[in-house]
Amino acid sequence: MKKVAIIAIAFLMTIGQSFAQTKNSKKMNTSKEHYTFKLSDKVTRQKVSFKNRYGIILSGDLYLPKNVGNEKISALAISGPFGAVKEQSSGLYANQMAERGFAVVAFDPSYTGESGGEPRNLASPEISTEDFSAAVDFLGLQKHVDREKIGIIGICGFGGFALNATAVDKRIKAVVASTMYDMTRVMSKGYNDSVTLEQRTKTLEQLGEQRWKDAEAETFAYGPEGNKALNDDAPQFLKDYYDYYRTERGFHERSVNSGNAWTATTPLSFMNMPILTYIKEISPRPLLIIAGEKAHSRYFSETAYENAAEPKELVIVPNAVHTDLYDKLDVIPFDKLETFFRMNLK
């Protein structure tokens, strides 16, 4: 793992270089209304929008069971992975959970996808956390939703933001983090916390220089887009990402990870704002963390579980890698998710 220890800006640039390829491939569906999964015949989906505390209009899809009737039901807000859009993994999760009887909104985070915010493809740990609370606002105003029975699911990097949102927003009654990343940890410390103070300092100096360039140009630079396929000796987890984001399996033209790039200074706000500082304050509300047995990211889930207070549960999915929990219906433990929320949203 030392060979793939990626520090701050290098982490983001590697993601951009790895996925920004074959964008015009004839095998890829680039329709703006393209979803990477099939809508259940037991579910309805409609476009919605709502505003966060910063005045940014978020775009989402509201999934409802077709048999909802006039009753008020439990609801979920879902987002992630980091750099993905609602037509990818979060929508797939929403589709499955709505089929199981929940009202669910899957949304694009601020600055990405169809949501508002300028410049495009920027990320902030605080605003990403706020976006979950804005989704709770939205759900609590829907006629079919019991606002006392709202939970959230965060996937990949939004697993960490979901935990942070639940710690601060007491309206959230239960939370699931699936195949989670702690984005503030990986950007500031690298994979497996391998970044030295000297490396961190150099990265911050580079980010400072980039700010001068952006200020002089009066615009924001973006990370480079690669134009070559991954080498055979690339780390397996990058190959796994490529297999999801850059193939028909999970490609979407609005996804940052499917061929676009983050702003070059995006890591700045992640470098000294650890989002899981108050994870114990999720208690006494329940927490479920799900990780793949063979996921390179598994240690994020194990640390979060260790630091959280009861009630908590860690589920390790046998043989699964990080991206298996993005979309593989035979791997993601949806029955477990249903049971968890039915028990705790009451």
Protein backbone atom coordinates (compact mmCIF):
# COMPACT_ATOMS: atom_id res chain seq x y z
CA MET A 1 0.00 0.00 0.00
CA LYS A 2 2.99 2.34 0.38
CA LYS A 3 3.26 2.52 -3.41
CA VAL A 4 -0.23 3.96 -3.63
CA ALA A 5 -0.10 6.38 -0.69
CA ILE A 6 -1.67 9.42 -2.30
CA ILE A 7 -1.44 12.80 -0.59
CA ALA A 8 -4.02 15.58 -0.76
CA ILE A 9 -3.99 17.08 -4.22
CA ALA A 10 -2.29 14.01 -5.67
CA PHE A 11 -5.29 11.96 -4.55
CA LEU A 12 -7.70 14.11 -6.51
CA MET A 13 -5.46 14.38 -9.52
CA THR A 14 -5.03 10.61 -9.66
CA ILE A 15 -8.79 10.15 -9.65
CA GLY A 16 -9.12 12.62 -12.51
CA GLN A 17 -6.30 11.08 -14.50
CA SER A 18 -7.60 7.56 -13.99
CA PHE A 19 -11.21 8.16 -15.04
CA ALA A 20 -11.01 10.92 -17.67
CA GLN A 21 -10.76 8.51 -20.58
CA THR A 22 -12.72 7.26 -23.60
CA LYS A 23 -15.36 9.90 -22.88
CA ASN A 24 -16.77 9.64 -26.38
CA SER A 25 -16.83 5.87 -26.48
CA LYS A 26 -19.74 4.59 -28.58
CA LYS A 27 -20.35 1.92 -25.96
CA MET A 28 -21.28 4.48 -23.32
CA ASN A 29 -24.74 5.97 -22.91
CA THR A 30 -24.22 9.72 -22.58
CA SER A 31 -27.87 10.74 -22.52
CA LYS A 32 -28.55 13.29 -19.79
CA GLU A 33 -31.52 11.22 -18.65
CA HIS A 34 -29.43 8.07 -18.48
CA TYR A 35 -29.64 6.03 -15.26
CA THR A 36 -27.19 3.24 -14.55
CA PHE A 37 -29.94 0.97 -13.21
CA LYS A 38 -33.50 0.04 -14.09
CA LEU A 39 -36.38 1.64 -12.20
CA SER A 40 -38.43 -0.88 -10.25
CA ASP A 41 -41.98 -1.42 -11.50
CA LYS A 42 -43.04 -1.06 -7.86
CA VAL A 43 -41.63 2.46 -7.56
CA THR A 44 -42.29 5.94 -8.92
CA ARG A 45 -39.54 8.53 -9.50
CA GLN A 46 -39.88 12.27 -9.93
CA LYS A 47 -37.46 15.16 -10.25
CA VAL A 48 -37.34 17.46 -7.23
CA SER A 49 -35.27 20.38 -6.00
CA PHE A 50 -34.63 22.03 -2.65
CA LYS A 51 -32.34 24.67 -1.21
CA ASN A 52 -29.62 24.31 1.44
CA ARG A 53 -28.66 26.92 4.05
CA TYR A 54 -26.15 28.47 1.66
CA GLY A 55 -28.83 29.19 -0.93
CA ILE A 56 -27.61 26.46 -3.30
CA ILE A 57 -30.42 24.66 -5.10
CA LEU A 58 -29.95 20.91 -4.94
CA SER A 59 -31.35 18.53 -7.54
CA GLY A 60 -32.77 15.20 -6.49
CA ASP A 61 -35.00 12.30 -7.44
CA LEU A 62 -37.84 11.36 -5.11
CA TYR A 63 -38.62 7.64 -5.09
CA LEU A 64 -41.94 6.45 -3.66
CA PRO A 65 -43.59 3.03 -3.38
CA LYS A 66 -46.46 2.85 -5.87
CA ASN A 67 -48.78 1.62 -3.14
CA VAL A 68 -48.01 4.46 -0.72
CA GLY A 69 -51.62 5.67 -0.51
CA ASN A 70 -52.33 8.44 2.00
CA GLU A 71 -50.27 7.08 4.88
CA LYS A 72 -47.19 8.80 6.26
CA ILE A 73 -44.15 6.57 5.95
CA SER A 74 -40.51 6.47 6.98
CA ALA A 75 -38.08 8.30 4.74
CA LEU A 76 -34.41 8.24 3.74
CA ALA A 77 -31.99 10.70 2.16
CA ILE A 78 -29.10 9.21 0.16
CA SER A 79 -26.01 10.59 -1.53
CA GLY A 80 -22.61 9.46 -2.76
CA PRO A 81 -20.16 8.20 -3.75
CA PHE A 82 -17.79 11.17 -3.68
CA GLY A 83 -17.74 12.49 -7.24
CA ALA A 84 -20.81 10.52 -8.36
CA VAL A 85 -24.32 11.66 -9.30
CA LYS A 86 -27.82 10.57 -8.35
CA GLU A 87 -28.23 8.55 -11.52
CA GLN A 88 -25.52 6.22 -10.29
CA SER A 89 -25.14 4.43 -6.94
CA SER A 90 -27.31 6.65 -4.72
CA GLY A 91 -30.24 6.30 -7.11
CA LEU A 92 -29.81 2.54 -7.17
CA TYR A 93 -29.94 2.44 -3.37
CA ALA A 94 -32.98 4.73 -3.39
CA ASN A 95 -34.77 2.53 -5.90
CA GLN A 96 -34.19 -0.55 -3.76
CA MET A 97 -35.25 1.09 -0.51
CA ALA A 98 -38.40 2.61 -2.05
CA GLU A 99 -39.31 -0.87 -3.29
CA ARG A 100 -39.12 -1.90 0.36
CA GLY A 101 -41.62 0.77 1.42
CA PHE A 102 -39.60 3.91 2.18
CA ALA A 103 -39.88 7.40 0.71
CA VAL A 104 -36.39 8.18 -0.54
CA VAL A 105 -34.63 11.17 -2.03
CA ALA A 106 -31.32 10.64 -3.84
CA PHE A 107 -29.57 13.94 -4.52
CA ASP A 108 -26.63 15.51 -6.27
CA PRO A 109 -24.34 17.33 -3.80
CA SER A 110 -23.69 21.05 -4.16
CA TYR A 111 -21.49 22.07 -7.11
CA THR A 112 -21.94 18.72 -8.89
CA GLY A 113 -24.38 16.97 -11.21
CA GLU A 114 -27.59 18.94 -11.76
CA SER A 115 -27.30 20.81 -8.45
CA GLY A 116 -26.32 24.46 -8.30
CA GLY A 117 -23.15 26.11 -7.06
CA GLU A 118 -20.19 27.80 -8.72
CA PRO A 119 -17.50 26.96 -9.60
CA ARG A 120 -18.45 23.53 -10.84
CA ASN A 121 -16.99 20.33 -9.38
CA LEU A 122 -15.94 21.82 -6.08
CA ALA A 123 -16.28 19.99 -2.75
CA SER A 124 -16.44 21.16 0.85
CA PRO A 125 -16.84 18.92 3.90
CA GLU A 126 -19.09 21.45 5.63
CA ILE A 127 -21.37 22.02 2.66
CA SER A 128 -21.53 18.30 1.85
CA THR A 129 -22.64 17.74 5.45
CA GLU A 130 -25.21 20.54 5.17
CA ASP A 131 -26.61 18.99 1.99
CA PHE A 132 -27.81 15.99 4.01
CA SER A 133 -29.63 18.26 6.45
CA ALA A 134 -31.20 20.14 3.54
CA ALA A 135 -32.45 16.81 2.20
CA VAL A 136 -33.98 16.13 5.63
CA ASP A 137 -35.70 19.54 5.44
CA PHE A 138 -37.15 18.55 2.09
CA LEU A 139 -38.35 15.13 3.22
CA GLY A 140 -39.97 16.50 6.35
CA LEU A 141 -42.22 18.72 4.24
CA GLN A 142 -43.55 15.92 2.03
CA LYS A 143 -47.13 14.81 2.59
CA HIS A 144 -46.20 11.12 2.55
CA VAL A 145 -43.37 11.46 5.11
CA ASP A 146 -43.45 11.13 8.88
CA ARG A 147 -40.80 13.68 9.82
CA GLU A 148 -40.10 11.84 13.06
CA LYS A 149 -38.96 8.81 11.03
CA ILE A 150 -36.15 10.07 8.79
CA GLY A 151 -32.80 8.34 8.31
CA ILE A 152 -29.88 8.81 5.92
CA ILE A 153 -27.49 6.65 3.91
CA GLY A 154 -24.08 7.86 2.80
CA ILE A 155 -22.06 5.93 0.22
CA CYS A 156 -18.25 6.08 -0.06
CA GLY A 157 -17.09 9.63 0.78
CA PHE A 158 -20.65 10.59 1.66
CA GLY A 159 -20.60 7.88 4.30
CA GLY A 160 -18.30 10.13 6.30
CA PHE A 161 -20.44 13.20 5.62
CA ALA A 162 -23.55 11.24 6.67
CA LEU A 163 -21.96 10.40 10.02
CA ASN A 164 -20.99 14.04 10.52
CA ALA A 165 -24.51 15.21 9.59
CA THR A 166 -26.11 12.78 12.02
CA ALA A 167 -23.84 13.90 14.85
CA VAL A 168 -24.95 17.52 14.44
CA ASP A 169 -28.54 17.11 13.21
CA LYS A 170 -30.65 15.44 15.88
CA ARG A 171 -33.63 15.14 13.54
CA ILE A 172 -31.86 12.23 11.84
CA LYS A 173 -33.00 9.10 13.68
CA ALA A 174 -30.67 6.47 12.15
CA VAL A 175 -27.69 6.43 9.79
CA VAL A 176 -25.93 3.97 7.49
CA ALA A 177 -22.45 4.47 6.05
CA SER A 178 -21.80 2.07 3.18
CA THR A 179 -18.27 1.37 1.84
CA MET A 180 -17.26 4.62 3.49
CA TYR A 181 -14.35 6.96 3.03
CA ASP A 182 -13.36 9.66 5.49
CA MET A 183 -12.42 12.23 2.85
CA THR A 184 -10.83 14.64 5.32
CA ARG A 185 -8.60 11.87 6.61
CA VAL A 186 -7.44 10.59 3.23
CA MET A 187 -6.79 14.05 1.83
CA SER A 188 -4.85 15.28 4.84
CA LYS A 189 -3.06 12.06 5.78
CA GLY A 190 -3.04 9.92 2.64
CA TYR A 191 -3.98 6.25 2.48
CA ASN A 192 -3.30 4.42 5.74
CA ASP A 193 -2.20 7.76 7.28
CA SER A 194 1.16 7.52 5.52
CA VAL A 195 1.74 11.22 4.79
CA THR A 196 4.60 12.87 6.68
CA LEU A 197 4.58 16.45 7.98
CA GLU A 198 7.09 17.34 5.26
CA GLN A 199 4.80 15.95 2.55
CA ARG A 200 1.76 17.68 4.02
CA THR A 201 3.61 20.98 4.16
CA LYS A 202 4.71 20.63 0.54
CA THR A 203 1.14 19.91 -0.54
CA LEU A 204 -0.16 22.98 1.28
CA GLU A 205 2.53 25.10 -0.35
CA GLN A 206 1.48 23.77 -3.77
CA LEU A 207 -2.15 24.55 -3.02
CA GLY A 208 -1.18 28.07 -1.96
CA GLU A 209 0.68 28.58 -5.24
CA GLN A 210 -2.36 27.35 -7.14
CA ARG A 211 -4.48 29.94 -5.34
CA TRP A 212 -2.15 32.68 -6.61
CA LYS A 213 -2.55 31.34 -10.15
CA ASP A 214 -6.35 31.20 -9.80
CA ALA A 215 -6.46 34.74 -8.39
CA GLU A 216 -4.31 36.10 -11.21
CA ALA A 217 -6.36 34.32 -13.86
CA GLU A 218 -9.66 35.26 -12.16
CA THR A 219 -10.86 31.72 -12.70
CA PHE A 220 -10.41 28.26 -11.20
CA ALA A 221 -8.05 25.66 -12.60
CA TYR A 222 -9.11 22.04 -12.77
CA GLY A 223 -7.16 18.87 -12.31
CA PRO A 224 -5.79 17.22 -15.46
CA GLU A 225 -7.82 14.75 -17.44
CA GLY A 226 -5.90 11.67 -18.45
CA ASN A 227 -6.10 10.24 -21.97
CA LYS A 228 -4.57 6.81 -21.62
CA ALA A 229 -5.96 3.58 -20.23
CA LEU A 230 -4.71 2.36 -16.88
CA ASN A 231 -1.42 0.51 -16.96
CA ASP A 232 -1.42 -3.19 -16.09
CA ASP A 233 0.58 -2.43 -12.94
CA ALA A 234 -1.91 0.14 -11.65
CA PRO A 235 -3.24 -0.55 -8.12
CA GLN A 236 -6.22 -2.89 -8.17
CA PHE A 237 -8.51 -0.40 -6.45
CA LEU A 238 -7.97 2.10 -9.29
CA LYS A 239 -8.86 -0.64 -11.76
CA ASP A 240 -12.02 -1.27 -9.72
CA TYR A 241 -12.92 2.43 -9.89
CA TYR A 242 -12.29 2.46 -13.64
CA ASP A 243 -14.49 -0.60 -14.08
CA TYR A 244 -17.39 1.26 -12.47
CA TYR A 245 -17.04 4.87 -13.58
CA ARG A 246 -15.53 4.48 -17.04
CA THR A 247 -17.52 1.60 -18.47
CA GLU A 248 -21.16 1.07 -19.36
CA ARG A 249 -21.64 -0.38 -15.87
CA GLY A 250 -21.60 2.98 -14.10
CA PHE A 251 -20.63 5.75 -16.54
CA HIS A 252 -22.54 9.03 -16.41
CA GLU A 253 -21.45 12.16 -18.23
CA ARG A 254 -22.21 14.46 -15.28
CA SER A 255 -20.22 12.40 -12.77
CA VAL A 256 -16.91 13.99 -11.80
CA ASN A 257 -15.38 10.52 -11.73
CA SER A 258 -16.59 9.57 -15.20
CA GLY A 259 -14.26 11.89 -17.09
CA ASN A 260 -14.49 15.31 -15.50
CA ALA A 261 -12.22 16.87 -12.86
CA TRP A 262 -12.37 18.61 -9.48
CA THR A 263 -11.12 22.16 -9.04
CA ALA A 264 -7.40 21.99 -8.32
CA THR A 265 -7.78 23.65 -4.91
CA THR A 266 -10.64 21.42 -3.71
CA PRO A 267 -8.40 19.69 -1.10
CA LEU A 268 -7.88 22.92 0.86
CA SER A 269 -11.06 22.73 2.92
CA PHE A 270 -10.43 19.07 3.74
CA MET A 271 -6.92 19.47 5.11
CA ASN A 272 -7.70 20.58 8.67
CA MET A 273 -11.42 19.90 9.19
CA PRO A 274 -11.72 16.30 10.46
CA ILE A 275 -15.39 15.42 10.02
CA LEU A 276 -15.61 12.54 12.50
CA THR A 277 -14.48 14.47 15.58
CA TYR A 278 -17.94 14.25 17.13
CA ILE A 279 -18.96 10.78 15.97
CA LYS A 280 -19.78 9.72 19.54
CA GLU A 281 -22.62 12.27 19.54
CA ILE A 282 -24.57 10.13 17.08
CA SER A 283 -25.48 8.03 20.14
CA PRO A 284 -28.06 7.11 21.36
CA ARG A 285 -29.31 6.99 17.77
CA PRO A 286 -28.25 3.81 15.93
CA LEU A 287 -25.38 3.56 13.47
CA LEU A 288 -24.75 0.84 10.87
CA ILE A 289 -21.49 0.70 8.95
CA ILE A 290 -21.07 -1.66 5.98
CA ALA A 291 -17.72 -2.46 4.35
CA GLY A 292 -16.30 -4.98 1.94
CA GLU A 293 -13.96 -7.62 3.33
CA LYS A 294 -11.40 -6.94 0.59
CA ALA A 295 -12.02 -3.19 0.22
CA HIS A 296 -8.93 -0.98 0.28
CA SER A 297 -11.12 1.47 2.24
CA ARG A 298 -12.13 -0.98 4.96
CA TYR A 299 -9.95 0.68 7.59
CA PHE A 300 -12.04 3.88 7.42
CA SER A 301 -15.12 1.89 8.47
CA GLU A 302 -13.27 0.05 11.23
CA THR A 303 -11.89 3.27 12.71
CA ALA A 304 -15.29 4.94 12.60
CA TYR A 305 -16.90 1.94 14.25
CA GLU A 306 -14.24 1.86 16.95
CA ASN A 307 -14.68 5.56 17.75
CA ALA A 308 -18.49 5.58 17.71
CA ALA A 309 -20.62 4.96 20.79
CA GLU A 310 -23.37 2.37 21.13
CA PRO A 311 -25.72 1.43 19.59
CA LYS A 312 -23.55 0.57 16.60
CA GLU A 313 -22.95 -2.29 14.22
CA LEU A 314 -20.25 -3.11 11.68
CA VAL A 315 -21.11 -5.50 8.84
CA ILE A 316 -18.23 -6.87 6.76
CA VAL A 317 -19.44 -8.25 3.42
CA PRO A 318 -17.44 -11.38 2.51
CA ASN A 319 -15.08 -11.11 -0.48
CA ALA A 320 -16.42 -7.68 -1.51
CA VAL A 321 -14.18 -4.86 -2.76
CA HIS A 322 -14.98 -1.18 -2.33
CA THR A 323 -16.94 -0.70 -5.56
CA ASP A 324 -18.95 -3.93 -5.20
CA LEU A 325 -21.10 -1.98 -2.73
CA TYR A 326 -21.82 0.69 -5.35
CA ASP A 327 -24.18 -1.36 -7.49
CA LYS A 328 -24.01 -5.14 -7.11
CA LEU A 329 -27.48 -6.17 -6.01
CA ASP A 330 -26.31 -9.62 -4.97
CA VAL A 331 -23.62 -8.12 -2.72
CA ILE A 332 -25.17 -5.05 -1.09
CA PRO A 333 -27.10 -6.28 1.99
CA PHE A 334 -30.38 -4.50 1.27
CA ASP A 335 -32.34 -6.86 3.52
CA LYS A 336 -30.08 -5.77 6.36
CA LEU A 337 -30.66 -2.11 5.49
CA GLU A 338 -34.41 -2.63 5.49
CA THR A 339 -34.37 -4.40 8.84
CA PHE A 340 -32.11 -1.73 10.36
CA PHE A 341 -34.35 1.16 9.36
CA ARG A 342 -37.61 -0.61 10.17
CA MET A 343 -36.35 -1.30 13.66
CA ASN A 344 -35.04 2.19 14.25
CA LEU A 345 -37.42 4.52 12.42
CA LYS A 346 -40.38 4.04 14.70
